[in-house]
PDB file of N, CA and C in Angstrom:
ATOM      1  N   UNK A   1     -12.145  -9.454  24.786  1.00  0.00           N
ATOM      2  CA  UNK A   1     -11.357  -9.896  23.589  1.00  0.00           C
ATOM      3  C   UNK A   1      -9.569 -10.007  23.396  1.00  0.00           C
ATOM      4  N   UNK A   2      -9.471  -8.616  23.879  1.00  0.00           N
ATOM      5  CA  UNK A   2      -7.767  -8.680  23.962  1.00  0.00           C
ATOM      6  C   UNK A   2      -6.823  -9.491  24.731  1.00  0.00           C
ATOM      7  N   UNK A   3      -7.697  -9.765  26.140  1.00  0.00           N
ATOM      8  CA  UNK A   3      -6.984 -10.619  26.901  1.00  0.00           C
ATOM      9  C   UNK A   3      -7.318 -11.909  26.414  1.00  0.00           C
ATOM     10  N   UNK A   4      -8.166 -12.455  25.983  1.00  0.00           N
ATOM     11  CA  UNK A   4      -8.472 -14.015  25.219  1.00  0.00           C
ATOM     12  C   UNK A   4      -7.240 -14.095  24.201  1.00  0.00           C
ATOM     13  N   UNK A   5      -7.172 -13.278  23.451  1.00  0.00           N
ATOM     14  CA  UNK A   5      -6.350 -13.223  22.423  1.00  0.00           C
ATOM     15  C   UNK A   5      -4.706 -13.336  23.154  1.00  0.00           C
ATOM     16  N   UNK A   6      -4.405 -12.311  24.044  1.00  0.00           N
ATOM     17  CA  UNK A   6      -2.957 -12.179  24.576  1.00  0.00           C
ATOM     18  C   UNK A   6      -2.924 -13.589  25.161  1.00  0.00           C
ATOM     19  N   UNK A   7      -4.129 -14.401  25.641  1.00  0.00           N
ATOM     20  CA  UNK A   7      -3.738 -15.869  26.192  1.00  0.00           C
ATOM     21  C   UNK A   7      -3.231 -16.781  25.164  1.00  0.00           C
ATOM     22  N   UNK A   8      -3.767 -16.719  24.436  1.00  0.00           N
ATOM     23  CA  UNK A   8      -3.948 -17.680  23.076  1.00  0.00           C
ATOM     24  C   UNK A   8      -2.576 -17.292  22.741  1.00  0.00           C
ATOM     25  N   UNK A   9      -1.901 -16.040  22.287  1.00  0.00           N
ATOM     26  CA  UNK A   9      -0.573 -15.569  21.813  1.00  0.00           C
ATOM     27  C   UNK A   9       0.411 -16.004  22.540  1.00  0.00           C
ATOM     28  N   UNK A  10       0.374 -16.086  23.930  1.00  0.00           N
ATOM     29  CA  UNK A  10       1.326 -16.466  24.823  1.00  0.00           C
ATOM     30  C   UNK A  10       1.052 -18.073  24.788  1.00  0.00           C
ATOM     31  N   UNK A  11       0.229 -18.538  24.472  1.00  0.00           N
ATOM     32  CA  UNK A  11       0.408 -20.314  24.764  1.00  0.00           C
ATOM     33  C   UNK A  11       0.976 -20.589  23.264  1.00  0.00           C
ATOM     34  N   UNK A  12       0.580 -19.901  22.001  1.00  0.00           N
ATOM     35  CA  UNK A  12       1.384 -20.124  20.666  1.00  0.00           C
ATOM     36  C   UNK A  12       2.802 -20.138  20.781  1.00  0.00           C
ATOM     37  N   UNK A  13       3.248 -18.581  21.214  1.00  0.00           N
ATOM     38  CA  UNK A  13       4.571 -18.543  21.527  1.00  0.00           C
ATOM     39  C   UNK A  13       5.388 -19.733  22.521  1.00  0.00           C
ATOM     40  N   UNK A  14       4.813 -19.926  23.622  1.00  0.00           N
ATOM     41  CA  UNK A  14       5.577 -21.116  24.443  1.00  0.00           C
ATOM     42  C   UNK A  14       5.512 -22.505  23.662  1.00  0.00           C
ATOM     43  N   UNK A  15       4.677 -22.567  22.956  1.00  0.00           N
ATOM     44  CA  UNK A  15       4.608 -24.101  22.013  1.00  0.00           C
ATOM     45  C   UNK A  15       5.727 -24.109  21.270  1.00  0.00           C
ATOM     46  N   UNK A  16       5.755 -22.656  20.592  1.00  0.00           N
ATOM     47  CA  UNK A  16       6.814 -22.678  19.657  1.00  0.00           C
ATOM     48  C   UNK A  16       8.438 -22.739  20.067  1.00  0.00           C
ATOM     49  N   UNK A  17       8.450 -22.099  21.297  1.00  0.00           N
ATOM     50  CA  UNK A  17       9.556 -22.077  21.494  1.00  0.00           C
ATOM     51  C   UNK A  17      10.027 -23.381  22.360  1.00  0.00           C
ATOM     52  N   UNK A  18       8.949 -24.350  22.585  1.00  0.00           N
ATOM     53  CA  UNK A  18       9.347 -25.840  23.220  1.00  0.00           C
ATOM     54  C   UNK A  18       9.787 -26.761  21.610  1.00  0.00           C
ATOM     55  N   UNK A  19       8.735 -26.606  20.528  1.00  0.00           N
ATOM     56  CA  UNK A  19       9.018 -27.260  19.469  1.00  0.00           C
ATOM     57  C   UNK A  19      10.364 -26.888  18.603  1.00  0.00           C
ATOM     58  N   UNK A  20      10.683 -25.383  18.831  1.00  0.00           N
ATOM     59  CA  UNK A  20      12.258 -25.126  18.378  1.00  0.00           C
ATOM     60  C   UNK A  20      13.298 -25.944  19.366  1.00  0.00           C
ATOM     61  N   UNK A  21      12.913 -26.084  21.057  1.00  0.00           N
ATOM     62  CA  UNK A  21      14.262 -26.798  21.382  1.00  0.00           C
ATOM     63  C   UNK A  21      14.032 -28.168  21.402  1.00  0.00           C
ATOM     64  N   UNK A  22      13.095 -29.006  20.558  1.00  0.00           N
ATOM     65  CA  UNK A  22      13.021 -30.087  20.676  1.00  0.00           C
ATOM     66  C   UNK A  22      13.220 -30.533  19.080  1.00  0.00           C
ATOM     67  N   UNK A  23      13.591 -29.461  18.042  1.00  0.00           N
ATOM     68  CA  UNK A  23      13.735 -29.378  16.710  1.00  0.00           C
ATOM     69  C   UNK A  23      12.765 -30.002  15.935  1.00  0.00           C
ATOM     70  N   UNK A  24      11.338 -29.714  16.523  1.00  0.00           N
ATOM     71  CA  UNK A  24      10.365 -30.302  15.721  1.00  0.00           C
ATOM     72  C   UNK A  24       9.160 -29.136  15.145  1.00  0.00           C
ATOM     73  N   UNK A  25       9.844 -27.755  15.017  1.00  0.00           N
ATOM     74  CA  UNK A  25       9.013 -26.795  14.456  1.00  0.00           C
ATOM     75  C   UNK A  25       8.829 -27.241  12.691  1.00  0.00           C
ATOM     76  N   UNK A  26       9.744 -27.149  12.419  1.00  0.00           N
ATOM     77  CA  UNK A  26      10.123 -27.161  10.931  1.00  0.00           C
ATOM     78  C   UNK A  26       8.823 -28.620  10.568  1.00  0.00           C
ATOM     79  N   UNK A  27       8.926 -29.652  11.199  1.00  0.00           N
ATOM     80  CA  UNK A  27       8.375 -30.808  10.737  1.00  0.00           C
ATOM     81  C   UNK A  27       6.719 -30.136  10.964  1.00  0.00           C
ATOM     82  N   UNK A  28       6.540 -29.812  12.234  1.00  0.00           N
ATOM     83  CA  UNK A  28       5.182 -29.484  12.530  1.00  0.00           C
ATOM     84  C   UNK A  28       4.850 -28.420  11.581  1.00  0.00           C
ATOM     85  N   UNK A  29       5.443 -27.360  10.811  1.00  0.00           N
ATOM     86  CA  UNK A  29       5.322 -26.411   9.951  1.00  0.00           C
ATOM     87  C   UNK A  29       4.818 -26.995   8.660  1.00  0.00           C
ATOM     88  N   UNK A  30       5.575 -28.119   8.333  1.00  0.00           N
ATOM     89  CA  UNK A  30       5.289 -28.764   7.048  1.00  0.00           C
ATOM     90  C   UNK A  30       4.298 -29.832   7.217  1.00  0.00           C
ATOM     91  N   UNK A  31       3.831 -30.324   8.084  1.00  0.00           N
ATOM     92  CA  UNK A  31       2.482 -30.862   8.471  1.00  0.00           C
ATOM     93  C   UNK A  31       1.561 -30.182   8.614  1.00  0.00           C
ATOM     94  N   UNK A  32       1.171 -28.809   8.989  1.00  0.00           N
ATOM     95  CA  UNK A  32       0.008 -27.836   8.760  1.00  0.00           C
ATOM     96  C   UNK A  32       0.515 -26.810   8.175  1.00  0.00           C
ATOM     97  N   UNK A  33       1.053 -26.864   6.882  1.00  0.00           N
ATOM     98  CA  UNK A  33       1.320 -25.674   6.119  1.00  0.00           C
ATOM     99  C   UNK A  33       0.099 -24.848   5.748  1.00  0.00           C
ATOM    100  N   UNK A  34      -0.744 -25.276   5.492  1.00  0.00           N
ATOM    101  CA  UNK A  34      -1.880 -24.794   5.011  1.00  0.00           C
ATOM    102  C   UNK A  34      -2.368 -23.714   5.975  1.00  0.00           C
ATOM    103  N   UNK A  35      -2.628 -24.373   7.714  1.00  0.00           N
ATOM    104  CA  UNK A  35      -3.013 -23.589   8.368  1.00  0.00           C
ATOM    105  C   UNK A  35      -1.978 -22.257   8.654  1.00  0.00           C
ATOM    106  N   UNK A  36      -0.617 -22.702   8.985  1.00  0.00           N
ATOM    107  CA  UNK A  36       0.142 -21.791   9.266  1.00  0.00           C
ATOM    108  C   UNK A  36       0.443 -20.446   8.029  1.00  0.00           C
ATOM    109  N   UNK A  37       0.317 -20.955   6.941  1.00  0.00           N
ATOM    110  CA  UNK A  37       0.549 -19.922   5.972  1.00  0.00           C
ATOM    111  C   UNK A  37      -0.956 -18.830   5.815  1.00  0.00           C
ATOM    112  N   UNK A  38      -2.259 -19.819   5.450  1.00  0.00           N
ATOM    113  CA  UNK A  38      -3.478 -19.139   5.193  1.00  0.00           C
ATOM    114  C   UNK A  38      -4.293 -18.600   6.481  1.00  0.00           C
ATOM    115  N   UNK A  39      -3.944 -18.997   7.463  1.00  0.00           N
ATOM    116  CA  UNK A  39      -4.632 -18.797   9.145  1.00  0.00           C
ATOM    117  C   UNK A  39      -4.018 -18.069   9.529  1.00  0.00           C
ATOM    118  N   UNK A  40      -2.474 -18.566  10.476  1.00  0.00           N
ATOM    119  CA  UNK A  40      -1.937 -18.192  11.151  1.00  0.00           C
ATOM    120  C   UNK A  40      -1.258 -16.797  10.918  1.00  0.00           C
ATOM    121  N   UNK A  41      -0.523 -16.907   9.516  1.00  0.00           N
ATOM    122  CA  UNK A  41       0.405 -15.622   9.009  1.00  0.00           C
ATOM    123  C   UNK A  41      -0.407 -14.457   8.988  1.00  0.00           C
ATOM    124  N   UNK A  42      -1.447 -14.567   8.233  1.00  0.00           N
ATOM    125  CA  UNK A  42      -2.507 -13.248   8.047  1.00  0.00           C
ATOM    126  C   UNK A  42      -3.077 -12.711   9.473  1.00  0.00           C
ATOM    127  N   UNK A  43      -3.314 -13.564  10.402  1.00  0.00           N
ATOM    128  CA  UNK A  43      -3.593 -13.174  11.704  1.00  0.00           C
ATOM    129  C   UNK A  43      -2.673 -12.265  12.079  1.00  0.00           C
ATOM    130  N   UNK A  44      -1.293 -12.914  12.195  1.00  0.00           N
ATOM    131  CA  UNK A  44      -0.191 -12.008  13.031  1.00  0.00           C
ATOM    132  C   UNK A  44       0.447 -11.225  12.229  1.00  0.00           C
ATOM    133  N   UNK A  45       0.074 -10.732  10.884  1.00  0.00           N
ATOM    134  CA  UNK A  45       0.438  -9.647  10.245  1.00  0.00           C
ATOM    135  C   UNK A  45      -0.558  -8.350  10.551  1.00  0.00           C
ATOM    136  N   UNK A  46      -1.953  -9.030  10.735  1.00  0.00           N
ATOM    137  CA  UNK A  46      -3.262  -8.208  10.995  1.00  0.00           C
ATOM    138  C   UNK A  46      -2.832  -7.578  12.475  1.00  0.00           C
ATOM    139  N   UNK A  47      -2.440  -8.383  13.622  1.00  0.00           N
ATOM    140  CA  UNK A  47      -2.275  -7.914  14.849  1.00  0.00           C
ATOM    141  C   UNK A  47      -0.664  -6.932  14.634  1.00  0.00           C
ATOM    142  N   UNK A  48       0.028  -7.006  14.062  1.00  0.00           N
ATOM    143  CA  UNK A  48       1.092  -6.124  14.146  1.00  0.00           C
ATOM    144  C   UNK A  48       0.737  -5.157  13.398  1.00  0.00           C
ATOM    145  N   UNK A  49      -0.023  -5.191  12.544  1.00  0.00           N
ATOM    146  CA  UNK A  49      -0.280  -4.072  11.235  1.00  0.00           C
ATOM    147  C   UNK A  49      -1.004  -2.803  11.985  1.00  0.00           C
ATOM    148  N   UNK A  50      -2.163  -3.474  12.632  1.00  0.00           N
ATOM    149  CA  UNK A  50      -3.388  -2.643  13.543  1.00  0.00           C
ATOM    150  C   UNK A  50      -2.725  -2.058  14.657  1.00  0.00           C
ATOM    151  N   UNK A  51      -1.993  -3.130  15.384  1.00  0.00           N
ATOM    152  CA  UNK A  51      -1.590  -2.588  16.692  1.00  0.00           C
ATOM    153  C   UNK A  51      -2.594  -2.130  17.466  1.00  0.00           C
ATOM    154  N   UNK A  52      -3.988  -2.487  17.651  1.00  0.00           N
ATOM    155  CA  UNK A  52      -4.933  -2.515  18.525  1.00  0.00           C
ATOM    156  C   UNK A  52      -4.681  -2.636  20.018  1.00  0.00           C
ATOM    157  N   UNK A  53      -4.049  -3.843  20.081  1.00  0.00           N
ATOM    158  CA  UNK A  53      -3.371  -3.882  21.759  1.00  0.00           C
ATOM    159  C   UNK A  53      -1.994  -3.963  21.600  1.00  0.00           C
ATOM    160  N   UNK A  54      -1.445  -3.271  22.064  1.00  0.00           N
ATOM    161  CA  UNK A  54       0.294  -3.312  21.650  1.00  0.00           C
ATOM    162  C   UNK A  54       0.945  -4.591  22.374  1.00  0.00           C
ATOM    163  N   UNK A  55       0.347  -4.878  23.391  1.00  0.00           N
ATOM    164  CA  UNK A  55       1.051  -6.384  23.829  1.00  0.00           C
ATOM    165  C   UNK A  55       0.617  -7.159  22.853  1.00  0.00           C
ATOM    166  N   UNK A  56      -0.389  -7.539  21.941  1.00  0.00           N
ATOM    167  CA  UNK A  56      -0.962  -8.333  21.360  1.00  0.00           C
ATOM    168  C   UNK A  56      -0.063  -8.510  20.030  1.00  0.00           C
ATOM    169  N   UNK A  57       0.534  -6.835  19.846  1.00  0.00           N
ATOM    170  CA  UNK A  57       1.436  -6.604  18.598  1.00  0.00           C
ATOM    171  C   UNK A  57       2.899  -7.461  18.526  1.00  0.00           C
ATOM    172  N   UNK A  58       3.116  -6.987  19.917  1.00  0.00           N
ATOM    173  CA  UNK A  58       4.408  -7.800  20.179  1.00  0.00           C
ATOM    174  C   UNK A  58       4.642  -9.308  20.334  1.00  0.00           C
ATOM    175  N   UNK A  59       3.321  -9.814  20.681  1.00  0.00           N
ATOM    176  CA  UNK A  59       3.472 -11.017  20.786  1.00  0.00           C
ATOM    177  C   UNK A  59       3.306 -11.737  19.454  1.00  0.00           C
ATOM    178  N   UNK A  60       2.698 -11.297  18.722  1.00  0.00           N
ATOM    179  CA  UNK A  60       2.584 -11.615  17.204  1.00  0.00           C
ATOM    180  C   UNK A  60       3.538 -11.489  16.661  1.00  0.00           C
ATOM    181  N   UNK A  61       4.152 -10.314  16.454  1.00  0.00           N
ATOM    182  CA  UNK A  61       5.474  -9.888  16.272  1.00  0.00           C
ATOM    183  C   UNK A  61       6.575 -11.306  16.719  1.00  0.00           C
ATOM    184  N   UNK A  62       6.393 -11.672  17.773  1.00  0.00           N
ATOM    185  CA  UNK A  62       7.498 -12.698  18.524  1.00  0.00           C
ATOM    186  C   UNK A  62       7.326 -13.869  17.900  1.00  0.00           C
ATOM    187  N   UNK A  63       5.819 -14.232  17.737  1.00  0.00           N
ATOM    188  CA  UNK A  63       5.728 -15.761  16.917  1.00  0.00           C
ATOM    189  C   UNK A  63       6.124 -15.646  15.462  1.00  0.00           C
ATOM    190  N   UNK A  64       5.813 -14.451  14.888  1.00  0.00           N
ATOM    191  CA  UNK A  64       6.451 -14.671  13.304  1.00  0.00           C
ATOM    192  C   UNK A  64       7.841 -14.789  13.312  1.00  0.00           C
ATOM    193  N   UNK A  65       8.670 -13.989  14.778  1.00  0.00           N
ATOM    194  CA  UNK A  65      10.018 -14.103  14.503  1.00  0.00           C
ATOM    195  C   UNK A  65      10.412 -15.630  14.992  1.00  0.00           C
ATOM    196  N   UNK A  66       9.603 -16.315  15.530  1.00  0.00           N
ATOM    197  CA  UNK A  66      10.351 -17.717  15.841  1.00  0.00           C
ATOM    198  C   UNK A  66       9.920 -18.695  14.517  1.00  0.00           C
ATOM    199  N   UNK A  67       9.025 -18.257  13.787  1.00  0.00           N
ATOM    200  CA  UNK A  67       8.937 -19.140  12.679  1.00  0.00           C
ATOM    201  C   UNK A  67       9.699 -18.609  11.478  1.00  0.00           C
ATOM    202  N   UNK A  68       9.634 -17.210  11.562  1.00  0.00           N
ATOM    203  CA  UNK A  68      10.916 -17.012  10.257  1.00  0.00           C
ATOM    204  C   UNK A  68      12.101 -17.203  10.452  1.00  0.00           C
ATOM    205  N   UNK A  69      12.587 -17.385  11.815  1.00  0.00           N
ATOM    206  CA  UNK A  69      13.816 -17.752  12.386  1.00  0.00           C
ATOM    207  C   UNK A  69      14.606 -19.242  12.207  1.00  0.00           C
ATOM    208  N   UNK A  70      13.487 -20.049  12.259  1.00  0.00           N
ATOM    209  CA  UNK A  70      13.498 -21.484  12.404  1.00  0.00           C
ATOM    210  C   UNK A  70      12.775 -21.900  11.500  1.00  0.00           C
ATOM    211  N   UNK A  71      12.321 -21.620  10.490  1.00  0.00           N
ATOM    212  CA  UNK A  71      11.486 -22.630   9.423  1.00  0.00           C
ATOM    213  C   UNK A  71      12.047 -21.670   8.168  1.00  0.00           C
ATOM    214  N   UNK A  72      12.708 -22.799   7.252  1.00  0.00           N
ATOM    215  CA  UNK A  72      12.698 -22.296   5.536  1.00  0.00           C
ATOM    216  C   UNK A  72      11.861 -21.946   5.175  1.00  0.00           C
ATOM    217  N   UNK A  73      11.015 -23.182   5.037  1.00  0.00           N
ATOM    218  CA  UNK A  73       9.708 -23.135   4.870  1.00  0.00           C
ATOM    219  C   UNK A  73       8.710 -22.021   4.695  1.00  0.00           C
ATOM    220  N   UNK A  74       8.358 -21.699   6.133  1.00  0.00           N
ATOM    221  CA  UNK A  74       7.500 -20.523   6.326  1.00  0.00           C
ATOM    222  C   UNK A  74       8.260 -19.317   5.910  1.00  0.00           C
ATOM    223  N   UNK A  75       9.724 -19.116   5.975  1.00  0.00           N
ATOM    224  CA  UNK A  75      10.137 -18.155   5.680  1.00  0.00           C
ATOM    225  C   UNK A  75      10.015 -17.487   4.248  1.00  0.00           C
ATOM    226  N   UNK A  76      10.190 -18.675   3.200  1.00  0.00           N
ATOM    227  CA  UNK A  76       9.859 -18.329   2.072  1.00  0.00           C
ATOM    228  C   UNK A  76       8.673 -18.041   1.585  1.00  0.00           C
ATOM    229  N   UNK A  77       7.533 -18.616   2.193  1.00  0.00           N
ATOM    230  CA  UNK A  77       6.161 -18.139   1.919  1.00  0.00           C
ATOM    231  C   UNK A  77       6.234 -16.845   2.581  1.00  0.00           C
ATOM    232  N   UNK A  78       6.731 -16.416   3.745  1.00  0.00           N
ATOM    233  CA  UNK A  78       6.351 -15.101   3.967  1.00  0.00           C
ATOM    234  C   UNK A  78       6.986 -14.275   3.061  1.00  0.00           C
ATOM    235  N   UNK A  79       8.164 -14.218   2.679  1.00  0.00           N
ATOM    236  CA  UNK A  79       8.747 -13.489   1.592  1.00  0.00           C
ATOM    237  C   UNK A  79       7.717 -13.315   0.347  1.00  0.00           C
ATOM    238  N   UNK A  80       7.231 -14.320   0.334  1.00  0.00           N
ATOM    239  CA  UNK A  80       6.402 -14.140  -1.207  1.00  0.00           C
ATOM    240  C   UNK A  80       4.852 -13.668  -0.827  1.00  0.00           C
ATOM    241  N   UNK A  81       4.350 -13.756   0.406  1.00  0.00           N
ATOM    242  CA  UNK A  81       2.987 -13.203   0.801  1.00  0.00           C
ATOM    243  C   UNK A  81       2.568 -12.094   0.253  1.00  0.00           C
ATOM    244  N   UNK A  82       1.412 -11.984  -0.043  1.00  0.00           N
ATOM    245  CA  UNK A  82       0.959 -10.551  -0.895  1.00  0.00           C
ATOM    246  C   UNK A  82       0.990  -9.725   0.109  1.00  0.00           C
ATOM    247  N   UNK A  83       0.872  -9.626   1.171  1.00  0.00           N
ATOM    248  CA  UNK A  83       0.982  -8.183   1.892  1.00  0.00           C
ATOM    249  C   UNK A  83       2.431  -7.796   2.256  1.00  0.00           C
ATOM    250  N   UNK A  84       2.934  -6.644   2.129  1.00  0.00           N
ATOM    251  CA  UNK A  84       4.087  -6.041   2.016  1.00  0.00           C
ATOM    252  C   UNK A  84       4.792  -6.446   3.476  1.00  0.00           C
ATOM    253  N   UNK A  85       5.094  -7.765   4.109  1.00  0.00           N
ATOM    254  CA  UNK A  85       5.355  -7.818   5.533  1.00  0.00           C
ATOM    255  C   UNK A  85       6.506  -6.981   5.982  1.00  0.00           C
ATOM    256  N   UNK A  86       7.544  -6.559   5.037  1.00  0.00           N
ATOM    257  CA  UNK A  86       8.858  -5.706   5.277  1.00  0.00           C
ATOM    258  C   UNK A  86       8.054  -4.629   5.630  1.00  0.00           C
ATOM    259  N   UNK A  87       7.114  -3.757   4.963  1.00  0.00           N
ATOM    260  CA  UNK A  87       7.011  -2.657   5.529  1.00  0.00           C
ATOM    261  C   UNK A  87       5.989  -2.549   6.793  1.00  0.00           C
ATOM    262  N   UNK A  88       5.206  -3.731   7.052  1.00  0.00           N
ATOM    263  CA  UNK A  88       4.224  -3.728   8.218  1.00  0.00           C
ATOM    264  C   UNK A  88       5.767  -3.875   9.323  1.00  0.00           C
ATOM    265  N   UNK A  89       6.303  -4.421   9.202  1.00  0.00           N
ATOM    266  CA  UNK A  89       7.249  -4.768  10.584  1.00  0.00           C
ATOM    267  C   UNK A  89       8.259  -3.338  10.614  1.00  0.00           C
ATOM    268  N   UNK A  90       8.456  -2.572   9.432  1.00  0.00           N
ATOM    269  CA  UNK A  90       9.310  -1.203   9.634  1.00  0.00           C
ATOM    270  C   UNK A  90       8.474  -0.385  10.419  1.00  0.00           C
ATOM    271  N   UNK A  91       7.159  -0.547   9.888  1.00  0.00           N
ATOM    272  CA  UNK A  91       6.136   0.318  10.684  1.00  0.00           C
ATOM    273  C   UNK A  91       5.987  -0.060  11.976  1.00  0.00           C
ATOM    274  N   UNK A  92       6.023  -1.163  12.663  1.00  0.00           N
ATOM    275  CA  UNK A  92       5.968  -1.509  13.973  1.00  0.00           C
ATOM    276  C   UNK A  92       7.281  -1.341  14.624  1.00  0.00           C
ATOM    277  N   UNK A  93       8.568  -1.197  14.146  1.00  0.00           N
ATOM    278  CA  UNK A  93       9.728  -0.944  14.535  1.00  0.00           C
ATOM    279  C   UNK A  93       9.463   0.587  15.102  1.00  0.00           C
ATOM    280  N   UNK A  94       9.247   1.233  13.870  1.00  0.00           N
ATOM    281  CA  UNK A  94       9.073   2.663  14.185  1.00  0.00           C
ATOM    282  C   UNK A  94       8.185   3.071  15.155  1.00  0.00           C
ATOM    283  N   UNK A  95       6.888   2.393  15.402  1.00  0.00           N
ATOM    284  CA  UNK A  95       5.908   2.609  16.259  1.00  0.00           C
ATOM    285  C   UNK A  95       6.558   2.384  17.624  1.00  0.00           C
ATOM    286  N   UNK A  96       7.139   1.232  17.648  1.00  0.00           N
ATOM    287  CA  UNK A  96       8.099   0.603  19.004  1.00  0.00           C
ATOM    288  C   UNK A  96       8.870   1.577  19.369  1.00  0.00           C
ATOM    289  N   UNK A  97       9.281   1.934  18.733  1.00  0.00           N
ATOM    290  CA  UNK A  97      10.598   2.837  19.207  1.00  0.00           C
ATOM    291  C   UNK A  97      10.196   4.020  20.200  1.00  0.00           C
ATOM    292  N   UNK A  98       8.872   4.540  19.760  1.00  0.00           N
ATOM    293  CA  UNK A  98       8.508   5.684  20.322  1.00  0.00           C
ATOM    294  C   UNK A  98       7.529   5.229  21.677  1.00  0.00           C
ATOM    295  N   UNK A  99       7.164   4.003  21.486  1.00  0.00           N
ATOM    296  CA  UNK A  99       6.079   3.392  22.522  1.00  0.00           C
ATOM    297  C   UNK A  99       6.398   2.524  23.386  1.00  0.00           C
ATOM    298  N   UNK A 100       6.778   1.633  22.820  1.00  0.00           N
ATOM    299  CA  UNK A 100       6.963   0.381  23.428  1.00  0.00           C
ATOM    300  C   UNK A 100       8.500  -0.377  23.254  1.00  0.00           C
ATOM    301  N   UNK A 101       9.237  -0.622  24.242  1.00  0.00           N
ATOM    302  CA  UNK A 101      10.480  -1.011  24.055  1.00  0.00           C
ATOM    303  C   UNK A 101      10.539  -2.514  23.537  1.00  0.00           C
ATOM    304  N   UNK A 102       9.422  -3.364  24.034  1.00  0.00           N
ATOM    305  CA  UNK A 102       9.218  -4.718  23.752  1.00  0.00           C
ATOM    306  C   UNK A 102       8.688  -5.304  22.049  1.00  0.00           C
ATOM    307  N   UNK A 103       7.944  -4.155  21.823  1.00  0.00           N
ATOM    308  CA  UNK A 103       7.668  -3.969  20.395  1.00  0.00           C
ATOM    309  C   UNK A 103       8.672  -3.373  19.497  1.00  0.00           C
ATOM    310  N   UNK A 104       9.450  -2.436  19.643  1.00  0.00           N
ATOM    311  CA  UNK A 104      10.425  -2.212  19.179  1.00  0.00           C
ATOM    312  C   UNK A 104      11.558  -3.344  18.739  1.00  0.00           C
ATOM    313  N   UNK A 105      11.572  -4.107  19.778  1.00  0.00           N
ATOM    314  CA  UNK A 105      12.962  -5.587  20.030  1.00  0.00           C
ATOM    315  C   UNK A 105      12.336  -6.571  19.232  1.00  0.00           C
ATOM    316  N   UNK A 106      10.966  -6.742  19.542  1.00  0.00           N
ATOM    317  CA  UNK A 106      10.440  -7.898  18.621  1.00  0.00           C
ATOM    318  C   UNK A 106      10.409  -7.700  17.312  1.00  0.00           C
ATOM    319  N   UNK A 107       9.695  -6.505  16.647  1.00  0.00           N
ATOM    320  CA  UNK A 107       9.949  -6.530  15.317  1.00  0.00           C
ATOM    321  C   UNK A 107      11.008  -6.215  14.571  1.00  0.00           C
ATOM    322  N   UNK A 108      12.150  -5.942  15.233  1.00  0.00           N
ATOM    323  CA  UNK A 108      13.061  -5.539  14.939  1.00  0.00           C
ATOM    324  C   UNK A 108      13.843  -6.709  14.768  1.00  0.00           C
ATOM    325  N   UNK A 109      13.813  -7.877  15.531  1.00  0.00           N
ATOM    326  CA  UNK A 109      14.133  -8.999  15.605  1.00  0.00           C
ATOM    327  C   UNK A 109      13.395 -10.142  14.217  1.00  0.00           C
ATOM    328  N   UNK A 110      12.123  -9.910  14.347  1.00  0.00           N
ATOM    329  CA  UNK A 110      11.325 -10.204  13.174  1.00  0.00           C
ATOM    330  C   UNK A 110      11.741 -10.021  11.827  1.00  0.00           C
ATOM    331  N   UNK A 111      12.068  -8.407  11.748  1.00  0.00           N
ATOM    332  CA  UNK A 111      12.472  -7.702  10.515  1.00  0.00           C
ATOM    333  C   UNK A 111      13.947  -8.543  10.193  1.00  0.00           C
ATOM    334  N   UNK A 112      14.782  -8.887  11.066  1.00  0.00           N
ATOM    335  CA  UNK A 112      15.996  -9.236  10.878  1.00  0.00           C
ATOM    336  C   UNK A 112      15.925 -10.757   9.977  1.00  0.00           C
ATOM    337  N   UNK A 113      14.882 -11.728  11.036  1.00  0.00           N
ATOM    338  CA  UNK A 113      14.889 -12.901  10.396  1.00  0.00           C
ATOM    339  C   UNK A 113      14.129 -13.049   8.968  1.00  0.00           C
ATOM    340  N   UNK A 114      13.304 -11.931   8.707  1.00  0.00           N
ATOM    341  CA  UNK A 114      12.793 -12.150   7.425  1.00  0.00           C
ATOM    342  C   UNK A 114      13.558 -11.763   6.650  1.00  0.00           C
ATOM    343  N   UNK A 115      14.661 -10.760   6.683  1.00  0.00           N
ATOM    344  CA  UNK A 115      15.827 -10.606   5.787  1.00  0.00           C
ATOM    345  C   UNK A 115      16.858 -11.405   5.900  1.00  0.00           C
ATOM    346  N   UNK A 116      16.692 -12.481   6.549  1.00  0.00           N
ATOM    347  CA  UNK A 116      17.809 -13.298   6.455  1.00  0.00           C
ATOM    348  C   UNK A 116      17.637 -14.361   5.470  1.00  0.00           C
ATOM    349  N   UNK A 117      18.638 -14.813   4.748  1.00  0.00           N
ATOM    350  CA  UNK A 117      18.721 -15.691   3.469  1.00  0.00           C
ATOM    351  C   UNK A 117      18.853 -17.066   4.062  1.00  0.00           C
TER     352      UNK A 117
END
């Protein structure tokens, strides 16, 4: 299960990277806002929060960071989301500092993107 999720998250990261390069991420999010907000965001947060697989938590943080850094619409929604996303990311930064440099780096970058105005 973790390997399949890892492959899916890697694919999503790569898609988001391409969409950013061609300036299409914001349009894509606006076109599928319900899916991004109600399906993807909770799944990414849950991966980061639970950290059942540290590699998947890292990839979920990377996905979330790309979205927050490149979409005003997504960032605005994420800031209003019911879960305290800030504390989830702060916990991931702390966990990553002691265990996994990539998780630390991705969570810190995502935290910075969330706090960006």
